[in-house]
Amino acid sequence: MNPLSHRFFLFFLISIGVFTAVVVLARNLEYYILPMEERPFYERYNDLKPSGIESHGYGIIGTAMITIGVIMYSSRKRVRAFRQFGKIKHYLEVHIFLCLLGPVLVLYHTTFKFGGLVAVSFWSMSAVALSGLLGRYLYQHIPKNIEGNELSAKELEENGQKMLDSLHTTYALNEQAVKALRELGKPMAHIEEAGLLKLLWYLLINDLSQKRRIMMIRNTLNKYSVDKHSMKKVIAIVNDHIVFQQRIAVLEKVQEIFHYWHVVHLPFSIIMFVILLVHVGVAVTFGYTWIF
C-alpha cells in the first residue's frame, strides 16, 4: 500500500467511524436524554430499549466488531503463518477502528443505562479502549523498518549516520553546517529517567513542534547558503535525523512503558470478554436473540 493509498485508507476508516457514531447519536438523542421514568412513554421505546430491535442490534454489531478486531490483530501478531498477509501496522489500524467504534455501539445498546455486572464490563471496555489509544501513540514512537519490525538503538544510530553522510556527500554541507543542524535535535536532558507523564509530554511537544522545527532547519540552512533546489530534500533529511535522535533518546523508556502497558490492557480485555460471555449467555437463555 503506497502512502497515498494508506492515507485514503485511514481517512475512510475515520470517516466511517465518525459518521456512524454521529448519525446514531443524532437519530436517537431525544430518547437518550429523557429521564429513565419517561422513556417507556417514548414512541420508539420498544425499538430503543436495550432489548429492542435497534438497540439490541447496536450491541450485537458492536460486540462482533470488538471480537473480530481482537482476533484478527492477535492472530496476525502471534501466528507465524499469518505474517505474510500484509503489514502488521495495517492490521493494528483496523483493530483500533473496530475496537473504538464497537464500544461506541455497545454504549448505544445500553442507552447510557448500565449497572451491576454489566457496568464492570462496560468500564473494563472503556479502560481497554483508552489504554489502546495510549498504546497506539506509544507504539508509533517505536521506530520500525519497512516490514514493520522494531529497530534497535544501534540500527537507529547507523541510519542516522547515513543521513548525516548524505548531507556531506550528496549536498556538500560542511562540518560547521552539519554540527549546527545536529544541535537543533538535541534531546531533552535526563528524558531517559522521566516518568510516564513527562515522557508523554515530551513526545507530544515534539510531535506538535514539527512546523517550528522545519522553520528552524530552513533558517539554519539559509545561513549556509544551501542550494534552493536541494533545500526541500535537505530539510526532509535533517528533520528525519532529528526525529531519529529524539527516538533514540526515549527508545528504551518507551519500550519499557509499552511493556507495562500490557499489564493494564490485557487483564481488562480478559475481564471484558468474560463478563460479555456471561451477559450474552444470560440474554440468550431468557430469549433475547434479536432477529435470529
C-alpha atoms as a PDB file:
ATOM      1  CA  MET A   1       0.000   0.000   0.000  1.00  0.00           C
ATOM      2  CA  ASN A   2       1.609   3.266  -1.129  1.00  0.00           C
ATOM      3  CA  PRO A   3       1.497   6.391   1.104  1.00  0.00           C
ATOM      4  CA  LEU A   4      -1.419   7.954  -0.803  1.00  0.00           C
ATOM      5  CA  SER A   5      -3.492   4.767  -0.641  1.00  0.00           C
ATOM      6  CA  HIS A   6      -2.652   4.441   3.047  1.00  0.00           C
ATOM      7  CA  ARG A   7      -3.829   7.984   3.791  1.00  0.00           C
ATOM      8  CA  PHE A   8      -7.049   7.324   1.885  1.00  0.00           C
ATOM      9  CA  PHE A   9      -7.493   4.078   3.820  1.00  0.00           C
ATOM     10  CA  LEU A  10      -7.103   5.883   7.162  1.00  0.00           C
ATOM     11  CA  PHE A  11      -9.413   8.696   6.038  1.00  0.00           C
ATOM     12  CA  PHE A  12     -12.022   6.094   5.041  1.00  0.00           C
ATOM     13  CA  LEU A  13     -11.856   4.356   8.447  1.00  0.00           C
ATOM     14  CA  ILE A  14     -12.041   7.621  10.391  1.00  0.00           C
ATOM     15  CA  SER A  15     -14.911   8.917   8.238  1.00  0.00           C
ATOM     16  CA  ILE A  16     -16.939   5.721   8.637  1.00  0.00           C
ATOM     17  CA  GLY A  17     -16.366   5.698  12.391  1.00  0.00           C
ATOM     18  CA  VAL A  18     -17.252   9.347  12.982  1.00  0.00           C
ATOM     19  CA  PHE A  19     -20.222   9.236  10.584  1.00  0.00           C
ATOM     20  CA  THR A  20     -21.694   6.137  12.248  1.00  0.00           C
ATOM     21  CA  ALA A  21     -21.260   7.454  15.785  1.00  0.00           C
ATOM     22  CA  VAL A  22     -22.723  10.871  14.965  1.00  0.00           C
ATOM     23  CA  VAL A  23     -25.667   9.596  12.898  1.00  0.00           C
ATOM     24  CA  VAL A  24     -26.814   7.093  15.546  1.00  0.00           C
ATOM     25  CA  LEU A  25     -26.463   9.686  18.304  1.00  0.00           C
ATOM     26  CA  ALA A  26     -28.365  12.336  16.332  1.00  0.00           C
ATOM     27  CA  ARG A  27     -31.075   9.829  15.391  1.00  0.00           C
ATOM     28  CA  ASN A  28     -31.733   8.776  18.990  1.00  0.00           C
ATOM     29  CA  LEU A  29     -30.565  11.739  21.070  1.00  0.00           C
ATOM     30  CA  GLU A  30     -34.114  12.708  22.016  1.00  0.00           C
ATOM     31  CA  TYR A  31     -34.566   9.323  23.657  1.00  0.00           C
ATOM     32  CA  TYR A  32     -31.132   9.201  25.299  1.00  0.00           C
ATOM     33  CA  ILE A  33     -31.637  12.495  27.140  1.00  0.00           C
ATOM     34  CA  LEU A  34     -35.044  11.534  28.538  1.00  0.00           C
ATOM     35  CA  PRO A  35     -35.238  10.742  32.268  1.00  0.00           C
ATOM     36  CA  MET A  36     -35.473   6.979  32.883  1.00  0.00           C
ATOM     37  CA  GLU A  37     -39.033   7.182  34.181  1.00  0.00           C
ATOM     38  CA  GLU A  38     -40.225   8.884  30.979  1.00  0.00           C
ATOM     39  CA  ARG A  39     -38.569   6.557  28.490  1.00  0.00           C
ATOM     40  CA  PRO A  40     -41.331   3.874  28.464  1.00  0.00           C
ATOM     41  CA  PHE A  41     -43.734   6.516  27.099  1.00  0.00           C
ATOM     42  CA  TYR A  42     -41.487   7.460  24.182  1.00  0.00           C
ATOM     43  CA  GLU A  43     -42.941   6.471  20.798  1.00  0.00           C
ATOM     44  CA  ARG A  44     -39.883   4.429  19.770  1.00  0.00           C
ATOM     45  CA  TYR A  45     -39.295   2.907  23.193  1.00  0.00           C
ATOM     46  CA  ASN A  46     -39.830  -0.699  22.045  1.00  0.00           C
ATOM     47  CA  ASP A  47     -37.097  -0.282  19.433  1.00  0.00           C
ATOM     48  CA  LEU A  48     -34.635   1.727  21.516  1.00  0.00           C
ATOM     49  CA  LYS A  49     -34.747  -0.032  24.886  1.00  0.00           C
ATOM     50  CA  PRO A  50     -31.644  -2.259  25.341  1.00  0.00           C
ATOM     51  CA  SER A  51     -33.614  -5.363  24.345  1.00  0.00           C
ATOM     52  CA  GLY A  52     -35.347  -3.542  21.471  1.00  0.00           C
ATOM     53  CA  ILE A  53     -34.568  -4.487  17.894  1.00  0.00           C
ATOM     54  CA  GLU A  54     -32.493  -1.352  17.155  1.00  0.00           C
ATOM     55  CA  SER A  55     -30.501  -1.027  20.378  1.00  0.00           C
ATOM     56  CA  HIS A  56     -30.053  -4.791  20.620  1.00  0.00           C
ATOM     57  CA  GLY A  57     -28.623  -4.653  17.110  1.00  0.00           C
ATOM     58  CA  TYR A  58     -26.112  -1.997  18.137  1.00  0.00           C
ATOM     59  CA  GLY A  59     -24.955  -4.290  20.936  1.00  0.00           C
ATOM     60  CA  ILE A  60     -24.561  -7.315  18.690  1.00  0.00           C
ATOM     61  CA  ILE A  61     -22.786  -5.398  15.917  1.00  0.00           C
ATOM     62  CA  GLY A  62     -20.535  -3.592  18.402  1.00  0.00           C
ATOM     63  CA  THR A  63     -19.633  -6.849  20.168  1.00  0.00           C
ATOM     64  CA  ALA A  64     -18.910  -8.528  16.831  1.00  0.00           C
ATOM     65  CA  MET A  65     -16.643  -5.619  15.821  1.00  0.00           C
ATOM     66  CA  ILE A  66     -14.654  -5.830  19.059  1.00  0.00           C
ATOM     67  CA  THR A  67     -14.325  -9.614  18.808  1.00  0.00           C
ATOM     68  CA  ILE A  68     -13.258  -9.547  15.163  1.00  0.00           C
ATOM     69  CA  GLY A  69     -10.800  -6.715  15.838  1.00  0.00           C
ATOM     70  CA  VAL A  70      -9.126  -8.589  18.697  1.00  0.00           C
ATOM     71  CA  ILE A  71      -8.994 -11.982  16.950  1.00  0.00           C
ATOM     72  CA  MET A  72      -7.763 -10.523  13.648  1.00  0.00           C
ATOM     73  CA  TYR A  73      -4.937  -8.462  15.162  1.00  0.00           C
ATOM     74  CA  SER A  74      -3.891 -11.074  17.723  1.00  0.00           C
ATOM     75  CA  SER A  75      -3.766 -13.775  15.034  1.00  0.00           C
ATOM     76  CA  ARG A  76      -1.663 -11.625  12.703  1.00  0.00           C
ATOM     77  CA  LYS A  77       0.670 -10.706  15.565  1.00  0.00           C
ATOM     78  CA  ARG A  78       1.122 -14.151  17.148  1.00  0.00           C
ATOM     79  CA  VAL A  79       0.515 -16.784  14.452  1.00  0.00           C
ATOM     80  CA  ARG A  80       3.619 -17.236  12.310  1.00  0.00           C
ATOM     81  CA  ALA A  81       1.640 -18.476   9.290  1.00  0.00           C
ATOM     82  CA  PHE A  82      -0.242 -15.157   9.047  1.00  0.00           C
ATOM     83  CA  ARG A  83       2.859 -12.945   8.941  1.00  0.00           C
ATOM     84  CA  GLN A  84       2.934 -12.994   5.156  1.00  0.00           C
ATOM     85  CA  PHE A  85      -0.515 -11.452   4.885  1.00  0.00           C
ATOM     86  CA  GLY A  86       0.148  -7.704   4.932  1.00  0.00           C
ATOM     87  CA  LYS A  87       1.914  -5.365   7.326  1.00  0.00           C
ATOM     88  CA  ILE A  88       1.029  -5.578  10.976  1.00  0.00           C
ATOM     89  CA  LYS A  89       0.533  -1.807  11.223  1.00  0.00           C
ATOM     90  CA  HIS A  90      -2.427  -2.055   8.823  1.00  0.00           C
ATOM     91  CA  TYR A  91      -3.965  -4.762  10.982  1.00  0.00           C
ATOM     92  CA  LEU A  92      -3.396  -2.566  14.016  1.00  0.00           C
ATOM     93  CA  GLU A  93      -5.200   0.334  12.346  1.00  0.00           C
ATOM     94  CA  VAL A  94      -8.219  -1.838  11.547  1.00  0.00           C
ATOM     95  CA  HIS A  95      -8.074  -3.257  15.088  1.00  0.00           C
ATOM     96  CA  ILE A  96      -8.193   0.270  16.530  1.00  0.00           C
ATOM     97  CA  PHE A  97     -11.080   1.231  14.230  1.00  0.00           C
ATOM     98  CA  LEU A  98     -13.162  -1.827  15.184  1.00  0.00           C
ATOM     99  CA  CYS A  99     -12.309  -1.590  18.892  1.00  0.00           C
ATOM    100  CA  LEU A 100     -13.223   2.100  19.108  1.00  0.00           C
ATOM    101  CA  LEU A 101     -16.430   2.079  17.068  1.00  0.00           C
ATOM    102  CA  GLY A 102     -17.512  -1.235  18.621  1.00  0.00           C
ATOM    103  CA  PRO A 103     -17.604   0.134  22.207  1.00  0.00           C
ATOM    104  CA  VAL A 104     -19.493   3.225  20.989  1.00  0.00           C
ATOM    105  CA  LEU A 105     -22.190   0.969  19.513  1.00  0.00           C
ATOM    106  CA  VAL A 106     -22.257  -1.072  22.726  1.00  0.00           C
ATOM    107  CA  LEU A 107     -22.768   2.190  24.628  1.00  0.00           C
ATOM    108  CA  TYR A 108     -25.738   2.977  22.374  1.00  0.00           C
ATOM    109  CA  HIS A 109     -27.034  -0.533  23.104  1.00  0.00           C
ATOM    110  CA  THR A 110     -27.073   0.269  26.837  1.00  0.00           C
ATOM    111  CA  THR A 111     -28.884   3.562  26.071  1.00  0.00           C
ATOM    112  CA  PHE A 112     -26.482   5.083  28.632  1.00  0.00           C
ATOM    113  CA  LYS A 113     -28.038   2.971  31.379  1.00  0.00           C
ATOM    114  CA  PHE A 114     -25.950   0.212  32.926  1.00  0.00           C
ATOM    115  CA  GLY A 115     -25.301  -1.218  36.355  1.00  0.00           C
ATOM    116  CA  GLY A 116     -24.161  -4.312  38.219  1.00  0.00           C
ATOM    117  CA  LEU A 117     -22.053  -6.835  36.333  1.00  0.00           C
ATOM    118  CA  VAL A 118     -22.670  -5.115  33.002  1.00  0.00           C
ATOM    119  CA  ALA A 119     -21.202  -1.899  34.431  1.00  0.00           C
ATOM    120  CA  VAL A 120     -17.988  -3.760  35.269  1.00  0.00           C
ATOM    121  CA  SER A 121     -17.813  -4.983  31.667  1.00  0.00           C
ATOM    122  CA  PHE A 122     -18.531  -1.514  30.321  1.00  0.00           C
ATOM    123  CA  TRP A 123     -15.847   0.216  32.382  1.00  0.00           C
ATOM    124  CA  SER A 124     -13.405  -2.578  31.541  1.00  0.00           C
ATOM    125  CA  MET A 125     -14.225  -1.984  27.877  1.00  0.00           C
ATOM    126  CA  SER A 126     -13.660   1.758  28.362  1.00  0.00           C
ATOM    127  CA  ALA A 127     -10.305   1.093  30.036  1.00  0.00           C
ATOM    128  CA  VAL A 128      -9.312  -1.187  27.146  1.00  0.00           C
ATOM    129  CA  ALA A 129     -10.286   1.452  24.554  1.00  0.00           C
ATOM    130  CA  LEU A 130      -8.487   4.318  26.329  1.00  0.00           C
ATOM    131  CA  SER A 131      -5.380   2.267  27.066  1.00  0.00           C
ATOM    132  CA  GLY A 132      -5.465   1.158  23.423  1.00  0.00           C
ATOM    133  CA  LEU A 133      -5.255   4.771  22.268  1.00  0.00           C
ATOM    134  CA  LEU A 134      -2.332   5.368  24.619  1.00  0.00           C
ATOM    135  CA  GLY A 135      -0.656   2.182  23.429  1.00  0.00           C
ATOM    136  CA  ARG A 136      -1.075   3.200  19.782  1.00  0.00           C
ATOM    137  CA  TYR A 137       0.528   6.573  20.495  1.00  0.00           C
ATOM    138  CA  LEU A 138       3.494   4.944  22.222  1.00  0.00           C
ATOM    139  CA  TYR A 139       3.764   2.273  19.507  1.00  0.00           C
ATOM    140  CA  GLN A 140       4.167   4.834  16.753  1.00  0.00           C
ATOM    141  CA  HIS A 141       7.208   6.230  18.581  1.00  0.00           C
ATOM    142  CA  ILE A 142       8.989   2.875  18.459  1.00  0.00           C
ATOM    143  CA  PRO A 143      10.999   3.071  15.197  1.00  0.00           C
ATOM    144  CA  LYS A 144      10.417   0.281  12.673  1.00  0.00           C
ATOM    145  CA  ASN A 145      11.757  -0.771   9.306  1.00  0.00           C
ATOM    146  CA  ILE A 146       9.705  -1.050   6.125  1.00  0.00           C
ATOM    147  CA  GLU A 147       8.445  -4.511   7.153  1.00  0.00           C
ATOM    148  CA  GLY A 148       7.161  -3.097  10.445  1.00  0.00           C
ATOM    149  CA  ASN A 149       9.797  -4.755  12.651  1.00  0.00           C
ATOM    150  CA  GLU A 150      11.224  -2.730  15.529  1.00  0.00           C
ATOM    151  CA  LEU A 151      14.686  -1.195  15.112  1.00  0.00           C
ATOM    152  CA  SER A 152      17.353  -1.311  17.796  1.00  0.00           C
ATOM    153  CA  ALA A 153      19.207   1.761  19.073  1.00  0.00           C
ATOM    154  CA  LYS A 154      22.280   0.599  17.116  1.00  0.00           C
ATOM    155  CA  GLU A 155      20.297   0.398  13.863  1.00  0.00           C
ATOM    156  CA  LEU A 156      18.873   3.856  14.539  1.00  0.00           C
ATOM    157  CA  GLU A 157      22.367   5.252  15.084  1.00  0.00           C
ATOM    158  CA  GLU A 158      23.544   3.677  11.823  1.00  0.00           C
ATOM    159  CA  ASN A 159      20.583   5.086   9.883  1.00  0.00           C
ATOM    160  CA  GLY A 160      21.134   8.491  11.445  1.00  0.00           C
ATOM    161  CA  GLN A 161      24.800   8.459  10.471  1.00  0.00           C
ATOM    162  CA  LYS A 162      23.864   7.583   6.881  1.00  0.00           C
ATOM    163  CA  MET A 163      21.625  10.638   6.821  1.00  0.00           C
ATOM    164  CA  LEU A 164      24.474  12.854   8.021  1.00  0.00           C
ATOM    165  CA  ASP A 165      26.856  11.301   5.491  1.00  0.00           C
ATOM    166  CA  SER A 166      24.418  12.108   2.689  1.00  0.00           C
ATOM    167  CA  LEU A 167      24.471  15.769   3.753  1.00  0.00           C
ATOM    168  CA  HIS A 168      28.241  15.731   3.168  1.00  0.00           C
ATOM    169  CA  THR A 169      28.444  13.585   0.041  1.00  0.00           C
ATOM    170  CA  THR A 170      25.227  14.454  -1.824  1.00  0.00           C
ATOM    171  CA  TYR A 171      24.568  18.035  -0.753  1.00  0.00           C
ATOM    172  CA  ALA A 172      28.109  19.183   0.133  1.00  0.00           C
ATOM    173  CA  LEU A 173      27.289  20.674   3.535  1.00  0.00           C
ATOM    174  CA  ASN A 174      30.386  21.493   5.574  1.00  0.00           C
ATOM    175  CA  GLU A 175      31.102  20.276   9.105  1.00  0.00           C
ATOM    176  CA  GLN A 176      30.012  23.545  10.692  1.00  0.00           C
ATOM    177  CA  ALA A 177      26.599  23.413   8.993  1.00  0.00           C
ATOM    178  CA  VAL A 178      26.039  19.767   9.957  1.00  0.00           C
ATOM    179  CA  LYS A 179      27.030  20.496  13.550  1.00  0.00           C
ATOM    180  CA  ALA A 180      24.563  23.392  13.716  1.00  0.00           C
ATOM    181  CA  LEU A 181      21.808  21.150  12.357  1.00  0.00           C
ATOM    182  CA  ARG A 182      22.598  18.415  14.879  1.00  0.00           C
ATOM    183  CA  GLU A 183      22.176  20.895  17.727  1.00  0.00           C
ATOM    184  CA  LEU A 184      18.587  21.526  16.630  1.00  0.00           C
ATOM    185  CA  GLY A 185      17.634  17.966  17.513  1.00  0.00           C
ATOM    186  CA  LYS A 186      19.383  17.693  20.849  1.00  0.00           C
ATOM    187  CA  PRO A 187      17.087  15.649  23.145  1.00  0.00           C
ATOM    188  CA  MET A 188      15.877  16.955  26.494  1.00  0.00           C
ATOM    189  CA  ALA A 189      18.317  16.250  29.316  1.00  0.00           C
ATOM    190  CA  HIS A 190      17.508  13.287  31.612  1.00  0.00           C
ATOM    191  CA  ILE A 191      14.499  12.256  29.496  1.00  0.00           C
ATOM    192  CA  GLU A 192      15.589   8.622  29.944  1.00  0.00           C
ATOM    193  CA  GLU A 193      14.699   8.955  33.644  1.00  0.00           C
ATOM    194  CA  ALA A 194      11.300  10.563  33.029  1.00  0.00           C
ATOM    195  CA  GLY A 195       8.046   9.084  34.278  1.00  0.00           C
ATOM    196  CA  LEU A 196       5.051   8.336  32.064  1.00  0.00           C
ATOM    197  CA  LEU A 197       3.509  11.821  32.156  1.00  0.00           C
ATOM    198  CA  LYS A 198       6.791  13.635  31.496  1.00  0.00           C
ATOM    199  CA  LEU A 199       7.597  11.232  28.658  1.00  0.00           C
ATOM    200  CA  LEU A 200       4.166  11.704  27.074  1.00  0.00           C
ATOM    201  CA  TRP A 201       4.560  15.483  27.392  1.00  0.00           C
ATOM    202  CA  TYR A 202       7.970  15.312  25.701  1.00  0.00           C
ATOM    203  CA  LEU A 203       6.631  13.170  22.844  1.00  0.00           C
ATOM    204  CA  LEU A 204       3.582  15.381  22.406  1.00  0.00           C
ATOM    205  CA  ILE A 205       5.634  18.588  22.318  1.00  0.00           C
ATOM    206  CA  ASN A 206       7.961  17.079  19.708  1.00  0.00           C
ATOM    207  CA  ASP A 207       5.032  15.977  17.564  1.00  0.00           C
ATOM    208  CA  LEU A 208       3.333  19.373  17.739  1.00  0.00           C
ATOM    209  CA  SER A 209       6.514  21.342  17.073  1.00  0.00           C
ATOM    210  CA  GLN A 210       7.330  19.877  13.669  1.00  0.00           C
ATOM    211  CA  LYS A 211       6.439  23.044  11.734  1.00  0.00           C
ATOM    212  CA  ARG A 212       8.551  25.136  14.092  1.00  0.00           C
ATOM    213  CA  ARG A 213      11.408  22.628  13.765  1.00  0.00           C
ATOM    214  CA  ILE A 214      11.258  22.742   9.964  1.00  0.00           C
ATOM    215  CA  MET A 215      11.332  26.546  10.116  1.00  0.00           C
ATOM    216  CA  MET A 216      14.457  26.404  12.306  1.00  0.00           C
ATOM    217  CA  ILE A 217      16.092  23.959   9.896  1.00  0.00           C
ATOM    218  CA  ARG A 218      15.288  26.218   6.953  1.00  0.00           C
ATOM    219  CA  ASN A 219      16.700  29.293   8.736  1.00  0.00           C
ATOM    220  CA  THR A 220      19.888  27.392   9.606  1.00  0.00           C
ATOM    221  CA  LEU A 221      20.323  26.191   6.023  1.00  0.00           C
ATOM    222  CA  ASN A 222      19.836  29.729   4.715  1.00  0.00           C
ATOM    223  CA  LYS A 223      22.789  30.848   6.830  1.00  0.00           C
ATOM    224  CA  TYR A 224      24.995  28.373   4.990  1.00  0.00           C
ATOM    225  CA  SER A 225      23.675  29.245   1.521  1.00  0.00           C
ATOM    226  CA  VAL A 226      22.268  25.827   0.699  1.00  0.00           C
ATOM    227  CA  ASP A 227      21.130  25.445  -2.909  1.00  0.00           C
ATOM    228  CA  LYS A 228      17.419  26.311  -3.114  1.00  0.00           C
ATOM    229  CA  HIS A 229      16.792  23.377  -5.465  1.00  0.00           C
ATOM    230  CA  SER A 230      18.126  20.999  -2.808  1.00  0.00           C
ATOM    231  CA  MET A 231      16.513  22.781   0.149  1.00  0.00           C
ATOM    232  CA  LYS A 232      13.364  20.624   0.326  1.00  0.00           C
ATOM    233  CA  LYS A 233      15.264  17.328   0.277  1.00  0.00           C
ATOM    234  CA  VAL A 234      17.848  18.529   2.787  1.00  0.00           C
ATOM    235  CA  ILE A 235      15.110  19.726   5.162  1.00  0.00           C
ATOM    236  CA  ALA A 236      13.428  16.312   4.934  1.00  0.00           C
ATOM    237  CA  ILE A 237      16.704  14.504   5.683  1.00  0.00           C
ATOM    238  CA  VAL A 238      17.562  16.753   8.628  1.00  0.00           C
ATOM    239  CA  ASN A 239      14.032  16.527  10.050  1.00  0.00           C
ATOM    240  CA  ASP A 240      14.144  12.722   9.821  1.00  0.00           C
ATOM    241  CA  HIS A 241      17.544  12.720  11.511  1.00  0.00           C
ATOM    242  CA  ILE A 242      16.265  14.890  14.361  1.00  0.00           C
ATOM    243  CA  VAL A 243      13.280  12.567  14.834  1.00  0.00           C
ATOM    244  CA  PHE A 244      15.694   9.592  14.877  1.00  0.00           C
ATOM    245  CA  GLN A 245      17.845  11.257  17.539  1.00  0.00           C
ATOM    246  CA  GLN A 246      14.836  12.031  19.700  1.00  0.00           C
ATOM    247  CA  ARG A 247      13.546   8.487  19.377  1.00  0.00           C
ATOM    248  CA  ILE A 248      16.930   7.031  20.264  1.00  0.00           C
ATOM    249  CA  ALA A 249      16.824   9.110  23.463  1.00  0.00           C
ATOM    250  CA  VAL A 250      13.419   7.737  24.501  1.00  0.00           C
ATOM    251  CA  LEU A 251      13.537   4.297  22.876  1.00  0.00           C
ATOM    252  CA  GLU A 252      14.367   2.294  25.979  1.00  0.00           C
ATOM    253  CA  LYS A 253      11.877   4.259  28.096  1.00  0.00           C
ATOM    254  CA  VAL A 254       9.057   3.909  25.558  1.00  0.00           C
ATOM    255  CA  GLN A 255       9.697   0.171  25.207  1.00  0.00           C
ATOM    256  CA  GLU A 256       9.687  -0.204  28.996  1.00  0.00           C
ATOM    257  CA  ILE A 257       6.390   1.662  29.392  1.00  0.00           C
ATOM    258  CA  PHE A 258       4.912  -0.171  26.406  1.00  0.00           C
ATOM    259  CA  HIS A 259       5.765  -3.440  28.160  1.00  0.00           C
ATOM    260  CA  TYR A 260       3.973  -2.372  31.333  1.00  0.00           C
ATOM    261  CA  TRP A 261       1.081  -1.074  29.234  1.00  0.00           C
ATOM    262  CA  HIS A 262       0.119  -4.699  28.556  1.00  0.00           C
ATOM    263  CA  VAL A 263      -0.380  -5.126  32.319  1.00  0.00           C
ATOM    264  CA  VAL A 264      -3.380  -2.803  32.031  1.00  0.00           C
ATOM    265  CA  HIS A 265      -4.627  -3.561  28.536  1.00  0.00           C
ATOM    266  CA  LEU A 266      -4.630  -7.375  28.614  1.00  0.00           C
ATOM    267  CA  PRO A 267      -6.312  -8.021  32.013  1.00  0.00           C
ATOM    268  CA  PHE A 268      -9.101  -5.526  31.299  1.00  0.00           C
ATOM    269  CA  SER A 269      -9.600  -7.176  27.909  1.00  0.00           C
ATOM    270  CA  ILE A 270      -9.988 -10.580  29.574  1.00  0.00           C
ATOM    271  CA  ILE A 271     -12.404  -9.211  32.189  1.00  0.00           C
ATOM    272  CA  MET A 272     -14.437  -7.528  29.456  1.00  0.00           C
ATOM    273  CA  PHE A 273     -14.771 -10.704  27.384  1.00  0.00           C
ATOM    274  CA  VAL A 274     -15.556 -12.948  30.359  1.00  0.00           C
ATOM    275  CA  ILE A 275     -18.392 -10.700  31.535  1.00  0.00           C
ATOM    276  CA  LEU A 276     -19.512 -10.237  27.933  1.00  0.00           C
ATOM    277  CA  LEU A 277     -19.870 -14.001  27.526  1.00  0.00           C
ATOM    278  CA  VAL A 278     -21.873 -14.173  30.762  1.00  0.00           C
ATOM    279  CA  HIS A 279     -24.098 -11.302  29.586  1.00  0.00           C
ATOM    280  CA  VAL A 280     -24.695 -12.900  26.175  1.00  0.00           C
ATOM    281  CA  GLY A 281     -25.361 -16.284  27.765  1.00  0.00           C
ATOM    282  CA  VAL A 282     -27.953 -14.840  30.134  1.00  0.00           C
ATOM    283  CA  ALA A 283     -29.588 -12.821  27.346  1.00  0.00           C
ATOM    284  CA  VAL A 284     -29.903 -15.872  25.061  1.00  0.00           C
ATOM    285  CA  THR A 285     -31.175 -18.001  27.950  1.00  0.00           C
ATOM    286  CA  PHE A 286     -34.001 -15.536  28.558  1.00  0.00           C
ATOM    287  CA  GLY A 287     -34.869 -15.392  24.869  1.00  0.00           C
ATOM    288  CA  TYR A 288     -33.265 -12.106  23.808  1.00  0.00           C
ATOM    289  CA  THR A 289     -31.978 -13.354  20.450  1.00  0.00           C
ATOM    290  CA  TRP A 290     -32.586 -10.243  18.284  1.00  0.00           C
ATOM    291  CA  ILE A 291     -33.694 -11.173  14.725  1.00  0.00           C
ATOM    292  CA  PHE A 292     -32.304 -14.706  14.745  1.00  0.00           C
END
